[in-house]
Protein backbone atom coordinates (compact mmCIF):
# COMPACT_ATOMS: atom_id res chain seq x y z
CA MET A 1 52.31 71.02 13.19
CA PRO A 2 55.13 69.06 11.53
CA ALA A 3 57.13 69.16 14.76
CA SER A 4 54.25 67.76 16.78
CA GLN A 5 53.66 64.96 14.25
CA SER A 6 57.33 63.97 14.32
CA ARG A 7 57.28 63.85 18.09
CA ALA A 8 54.16 61.60 18.06
CA ARG A 9 55.80 59.18 15.59
CA ALA A 10 58.94 59.04 17.71
CA ARG A 11 56.82 58.32 20.78
CA ASP A 12 55.04 55.49 18.95
CA ARG A 13 58.38 53.99 17.89
CA SER A 14 59.66 54.10 21.41
CA ASN A 15 56.51 52.28 22.72
CA VAL A 16 57.37 48.58 23.00
CA LEU A 17 53.72 47.44 22.76
CA ASN A 18 53.44 48.85 19.25
CA ARG A 19 55.90 46.32 17.88
CA ALA A 20 54.53 43.51 15.70
CA GLU A 21 55.43 40.73 18.13
CA PHE A 22 53.52 42.43 20.98
CA LEU A 23 50.40 43.48 19.10
CA SER A 24 48.45 40.42 20.39
CA LEU A 25 48.89 41.69 23.94
CA SER A 26 47.30 45.03 23.29
CA GLN A 27 44.33 43.78 21.19
CA PRO A 28 41.37 41.72 22.50
CA PRO A 29 41.18 38.13 21.25
CA LYS A 30 38.78 37.29 18.43
CA GLY A 31 35.34 36.07 19.46
CA ALA A 32 35.69 37.46 22.96
CA PRO A 33 32.39 38.62 24.46
CA GLU A 34 31.85 42.29 24.81
CA PRO A 35 32.16 43.62 28.33
CA ARG A 36 28.84 43.92 30.07
CA SER A 37 27.73 47.35 31.07
CA SER A 38 26.97 47.91 34.68
CA GLY A 39 23.71 49.56 33.86
CA ARG A 40 20.61 47.56 32.95
CA LYS A 41 19.26 48.19 29.49
CA ALA A 42 15.79 49.47 29.22
CA PRO A 43 13.52 47.05 27.38
CA GLY A 44 13.03 48.12 23.83
CA PRO A 45 9.96 47.61 21.70
CA SER A 46 11.21 44.14 20.57
CA ALA A 47 11.48 42.75 24.13
CA GLN A 48 7.82 42.96 25.07
CA PRO A 49 6.40 40.63 27.72
CA PRO A 50 4.23 37.79 26.32
CA PRO A 51 0.49 38.23 26.58
CA PRO A 52 -1.13 36.56 29.59
CA GLY A 53 -3.11 34.15 27.38
CA ASP A 54 0.03 32.51 25.95
CA GLY A 55 1.49 31.92 29.40
CA ALA A 56 -1.68 30.24 30.63
CA ARG A 57 -1.78 28.06 27.50
CA GLU A 58 1.83 26.98 27.97
CA ARG A 59 1.17 26.13 31.62
CA ARG A 60 -1.79 23.98 30.64
CA GLN A 61 0.30 22.17 28.03
CA SER A 62 3.11 21.56 30.50
CA GLN A 63 0.59 20.10 32.93
CA GLN A 64 -0.99 17.83 30.29
CA LEU A 65 2.11 16.46 28.56
CA PRO A 66 3.51 14.51 31.53
CA GLU A 67 0.15 12.82 32.04
CA GLU A 68 -0.02 11.74 28.39
CA ASP A 69 3.54 10.49 28.54
CA CYS A 70 2.72 8.47 31.65
CA MET A 71 -0.28 6.93 29.87
CA GLN A 72 1.91 5.86 26.95
CA LEU A 73 4.86 4.66 29.00
CA ASN A 74 2.77 2.90 31.67
CA PRO A 75 -0.02 0.99 29.88
CA SER A 76 -2.53 -1.00 31.83
CA PHE A 77 -2.17 -4.72 32.51
CA LYS A 78 -5.13 -5.47 30.25
CA GLY A 79 -3.48 -3.60 27.38
CA ILE A 80 -0.20 -5.47 27.83
CA ALA A 81 -2.01 -8.84 27.99
CA PHE A 82 -4.13 -8.05 24.93
CA ASN A 83 -1.15 -6.94 22.85
CA SER A 84 0.84 -10.00 23.92
CA LEU A 85 -1.98 -12.40 22.95
CA LEU A 86 -2.44 -10.56 19.66
CA ALA A 87 1.27 -10.90 18.86
CA ILE A 88 1.19 -14.62 19.69
CA ASP A 89 -1.89 -15.08 17.51
CA ILE A 90 -0.26 -13.37 14.52
CA CYS A 91 3.00 -15.28 14.94
CA MET A 92 1.32 -18.70 15.20
CA SER A 93 -1.06 -17.93 12.32
CA LYS A 94 1.88 -17.04 10.08
CA ARG A 95 3.65 -20.25 11.06
CA LEU A 96 0.55 -22.33 10.23
CA GLY A 97 0.04 -20.54 6.91
CA VAL A 98 2.04 -23.18 5.05
CA CYS A 99 -0.18 -22.93 1.95
CA ALA A 100 -0.50 -19.15 1.88
CA GLY A 101 1.38 -18.61 -1.40
CA ARG A 102 3.12 -20.29 -4.29
CA ALA A 103 6.46 -20.03 -2.51
CA ALA A 104 5.12 -21.59 0.72
CA SER A 105 6.46 -24.86 2.08
CA TRP A 106 3.21 -26.74 1.31
CA ALA A 107 2.36 -24.91 -1.88
CA SER A 108 1.73 -28.18 -3.72
CA ALA A 109 -1.14 -29.01 -1.34
CA ARG A 110 -2.81 -25.60 -1.67
CA SER A 111 -5.49 -26.83 -4.11
CA MET A 112 -6.53 -29.68 -1.83
CA VAL A 113 -6.62 -27.44 1.23
CA LYS A 114 -8.75 -24.87 -0.63
CA LEU A 115 -11.12 -27.66 -1.68
CA ILE A 116 -11.63 -28.59 1.98
CA GLY A 117 -12.45 -24.97 2.70
CA ILE A 118 -15.00 -24.83 -0.13
CA THR A 119 -16.98 -27.63 1.56
CA GLY A 120 -17.79 -25.10 4.29
CA HIS A 121 -18.76 -22.27 1.95
CA GLY A 122 -22.23 -20.75 2.14
CA ILE A 123 -23.20 -20.90 -1.53
CA PRO A 124 -22.94 -24.72 -1.91
CA TRP A 125 -24.78 -25.26 1.37
CA ILE A 126 -27.63 -22.89 0.53
CA GLY A 127 -27.96 -24.29 -3.00
CA GLY A 128 -27.88 -27.88 -1.74
CA THR A 129 -30.45 -27.16 0.96
CA ILE A 130 -32.87 -25.56 -1.51
CA LEU A 131 -32.43 -28.48 -3.92
CA CYS A 132 -33.13 -31.03 -1.16
CA LEU A 133 -36.12 -28.97 -0.02
CA VAL A 134 -37.61 -29.09 -3.51
CA LYS A 135 -37.02 -32.85 -3.79
CA SER A 136 -38.27 -33.64 -0.27
CA SER A 137 -41.75 -35.17 0.03
CA THR A 138 -42.07 -35.63 3.80
CA LEU A 139 -43.23 -33.02 6.28
CA ALA A 140 -40.48 -33.85 8.77
CA GLY A 141 -37.80 -33.51 6.11
CA GLN A 142 -39.17 -30.19 4.91
CA GLU A 143 -39.31 -28.91 8.46
CA VAL A 144 -35.64 -29.75 9.11
CA LEU A 145 -34.51 -28.34 5.76
CA MET A 146 -36.44 -25.07 6.21
CA ASN A 147 -34.86 -24.50 9.61
CA LEU A 148 -31.43 -25.38 8.20
CA LEU A 149 -31.96 -22.80 5.45
CA LEU A 150 -32.90 -20.24 8.10
CA ALA A 151 -29.73 -21.08 10.03
CA LEU A 152 -27.55 -20.69 6.92
CA LEU A 153 -29.04 -17.31 6.06
CA LEU A 154 -28.62 -16.19 9.65
CA ASP A 155 -24.98 -17.27 9.56
CA ILE A 156 -24.22 -15.30 6.39
CA MET A 157 -25.85 -12.12 7.69
CA THR A 158 -24.19 -12.38 11.11
CA VAL A 159 -20.69 -13.00 9.77
CA ALA A 160 -21.01 -10.26 7.14
CA GLY A 161 -22.19 -7.74 9.74
CA VAL A 162 -19.42 -8.53 12.24
CA GLN A 163 -16.74 -8.51 9.53
CA LYS A 164 -17.94 -5.15 8.27
CA LEU A 165 -17.82 -3.80 11.80
CA ILE A 166 -14.37 -5.15 12.79
CA LYS A 167 -12.63 -5.03 9.37
CA ARG A 168 -9.68 -7.16 10.44
CA ARG A 169 -7.25 -8.25 7.75
CA GLY A 170 -5.78 -11.72 7.47
CA PRO A 171 -2.20 -12.64 8.35
CA PHE A 172 -1.24 -12.69 4.65
CA GLU A 173 -2.15 -10.46 1.71
CA THR A 174 -4.62 -12.83 0.05
CA SER A 175 -7.51 -11.55 -2.05
CA PRO A 176 -10.99 -13.06 -1.47
CA SER A 177 -12.43 -15.35 -4.12
CA LEU A 178 -15.60 -14.79 -6.12
CA LEU A 179 -17.60 -17.02 -3.78
CA ASP A 180 -16.37 -14.99 -0.83
CA TYR A 181 -17.63 -11.80 -2.44
CA LEU A 182 -21.02 -13.38 -3.08
CA THR A 183 -21.44 -14.23 0.61
CA MET A 184 -19.77 -10.95 1.74
CA ASP A 185 -17.03 -12.97 3.46
CA ILE A 186 -14.28 -10.41 2.73
CA TYR A 187 -12.51 -9.74 6.03
CA ALA A 188 -10.84 -12.14 8.47
CA PHE A 189 -12.77 -11.81 11.75
CA PRO A 190 -14.76 -13.96 12.30
CA ALA A 191 -14.12 -16.91 9.96
CA GLY A 192 -17.37 -17.53 8.11
CA HIS A 193 -16.42 -21.04 7.00
CA ALA A 194 -15.63 -22.02 10.60
CA SER A 195 -18.90 -20.63 11.97
CA ARG A 196 -20.87 -22.38 9.23
CA ALA A 197 -19.08 -25.69 9.75
CA ALA A 198 -19.67 -25.57 13.50
CA MET A 199 -23.33 -24.65 13.11
CA VAL A 200 -24.04 -27.27 10.44
CA SER A 201 -22.24 -30.06 12.28
CA LYS A 202 -24.09 -29.27 15.51
CA PHE A 203 -27.37 -29.10 13.59
CA PHE A 204 -26.85 -32.52 12.02
CA LEU A 205 -25.72 -34.08 15.29
CA SER A 206 -28.94 -32.87 16.95
CA HIS A 207 -31.52 -33.61 14.24
CA LEU A 208 -30.15 -36.58 12.31
CA VAL A 209 -29.68 -40.13 13.49
CA LEU A 210 -26.08 -40.94 12.64
CA ALA A 211 -23.75 -43.76 13.58
CA VAL A 212 -20.82 -43.04 15.84
CA PRO A 213 -18.20 -43.08 13.04
CA LEU A 214 -20.24 -40.58 11.05
CA ARG A 215 -20.59 -38.33 14.08
CA VAL A 216 -16.82 -38.39 14.61
CA LEU A 217 -16.22 -37.64 10.94
CA LEU A 218 -18.65 -34.73 11.10
CA VAL A 219 -16.73 -33.15 13.99
CA LEU A 220 -13.40 -33.75 12.23
CA TRP A 221 -14.79 -32.16 9.07
CA ALA A 222 -15.69 -28.98 10.95
CA PHE A 223 -12.21 -28.86 12.51
CA CYS A 224 -10.50 -29.41 9.13
CA VAL A 225 -12.54 -26.63 7.52
CA GLY A 226 -11.37 -24.17 10.16
CA LEU A 227 -7.77 -25.36 9.93
CA SER A 228 -7.76 -25.07 6.14
CA ARG A 229 -8.62 -21.38 6.37
CA VAL A 230 -5.57 -20.79 8.55
CA MET A 231 -3.29 -22.88 6.32
CA ILE A 232 -4.09 -20.86 3.21
CA GLY A 233 -3.44 -17.64 5.13
CA ARG A 234 -7.01 -16.36 5.00
CA HIS A 235 -7.68 -16.18 8.76
CA HIS A 236 -5.93 -16.02 12.10
CA ILE A 237 -6.32 -18.74 14.71
CA THR A 238 -8.52 -16.48 16.83
CA ASP A 239 -10.72 -15.79 13.80
CA VAL A 240 -11.41 -19.51 13.44
CA ILE A 241 -12.00 -20.03 17.17
CA SER A 242 -14.40 -17.07 17.21
CA GLY A 243 -16.15 -18.53 14.18
CA PHE A 244 -16.70 -21.84 16.00
CA ILE A 245 -18.16 -20.00 19.00
CA ILE A 246 -20.44 -17.86 16.84
CA GLY A 247 -21.62 -20.94 14.95
CA TYR A 248 -22.58 -22.68 18.19
CA PHE A 249 -24.59 -19.68 19.40
CA GLN A 250 -26.30 -19.46 16.03
CA PHE A 251 -27.42 -23.06 16.42
CA ARG A 252 -28.78 -22.27 19.88
CA LEU A 253 -30.67 -19.28 18.47
CA VAL A 254 -32.21 -21.37 15.69
CA GLU A 255 -33.30 -23.92 18.29
CA LEU A 256 -35.06 -21.15 20.22
CA VAL A 257 -36.95 -19.85 17.15
CA TRP A 258 -37.52 -23.27 15.61
CA MET A 259 -40.24 -23.14 12.97
CA SER A 260 -42.97 -25.73 13.28
CA SER A 261 -44.15 -27.95 10.45
CA ASN A 262 -47.25 -25.80 9.82
CA THR A 263 -45.13 -22.65 9.54
CA CYS A 264 -42.77 -24.38 7.15
CA GLN A 265 -45.64 -25.59 4.98
CA MET A 266 -47.10 -22.09 4.88
CA LEU A 267 -43.73 -20.64 3.77
CA ILE A 268 -43.24 -23.35 1.16
CA SER A 269 -46.74 -22.82 -0.29
CA ALA A 270 -46.20 -19.04 -0.38
CA TRP A 271 -42.85 -19.56 -2.13
């Protein structure tokens, strides 16, 4: 045994590849992949084929995802036009909101602009109409005032219902006033002051005999009320325009259901 071991050590010393400078040639490099076996491994218990239900679900998802991506990446022309108009409306409304806060460019005129807006509020108009109705002594005057009161109540209910349905916020973070809460004028679309100003001005132009300067001033008043709501940052431009349109159709509706003098007298006596 010792003789065989000595011969093996001598043979190792004589082998050139066993030297330290040649060891890298006889050893595989680090991180080298293991040689593949020619035979195919049998699938073990961990490599089980997926159930048929998962494959069908994945195929359905792969068929649906491209369609959803196409819908998002290729919107319709109407969607592009609507989003573009909405962006223009927001941008212009923010530019016109010069009295929206204390740091605004026209902050010193905020009180005056708010006062113009109050002239189109529902509470002063309803209170003033009831006071004039009590003081009126003519049948024609009572008839006009009763129909005006009906139009004002219709305006408040219509604007409150549409605002509750749409729930659009204004261009600036402004909290509604106490009078706005009383008339449920909380959201931005449509502008209740603008609809009321348009309806009242059209009502007076149709049922009152006014000189031309007064008629012009009445139209300018309605326009200034709508503009004041944009300047204080309470409404968008489209909110005010929609309010003018709604106010006109409210006037047309009141004209269709106009209460006669006898009906007005019956309601006044019952009240």
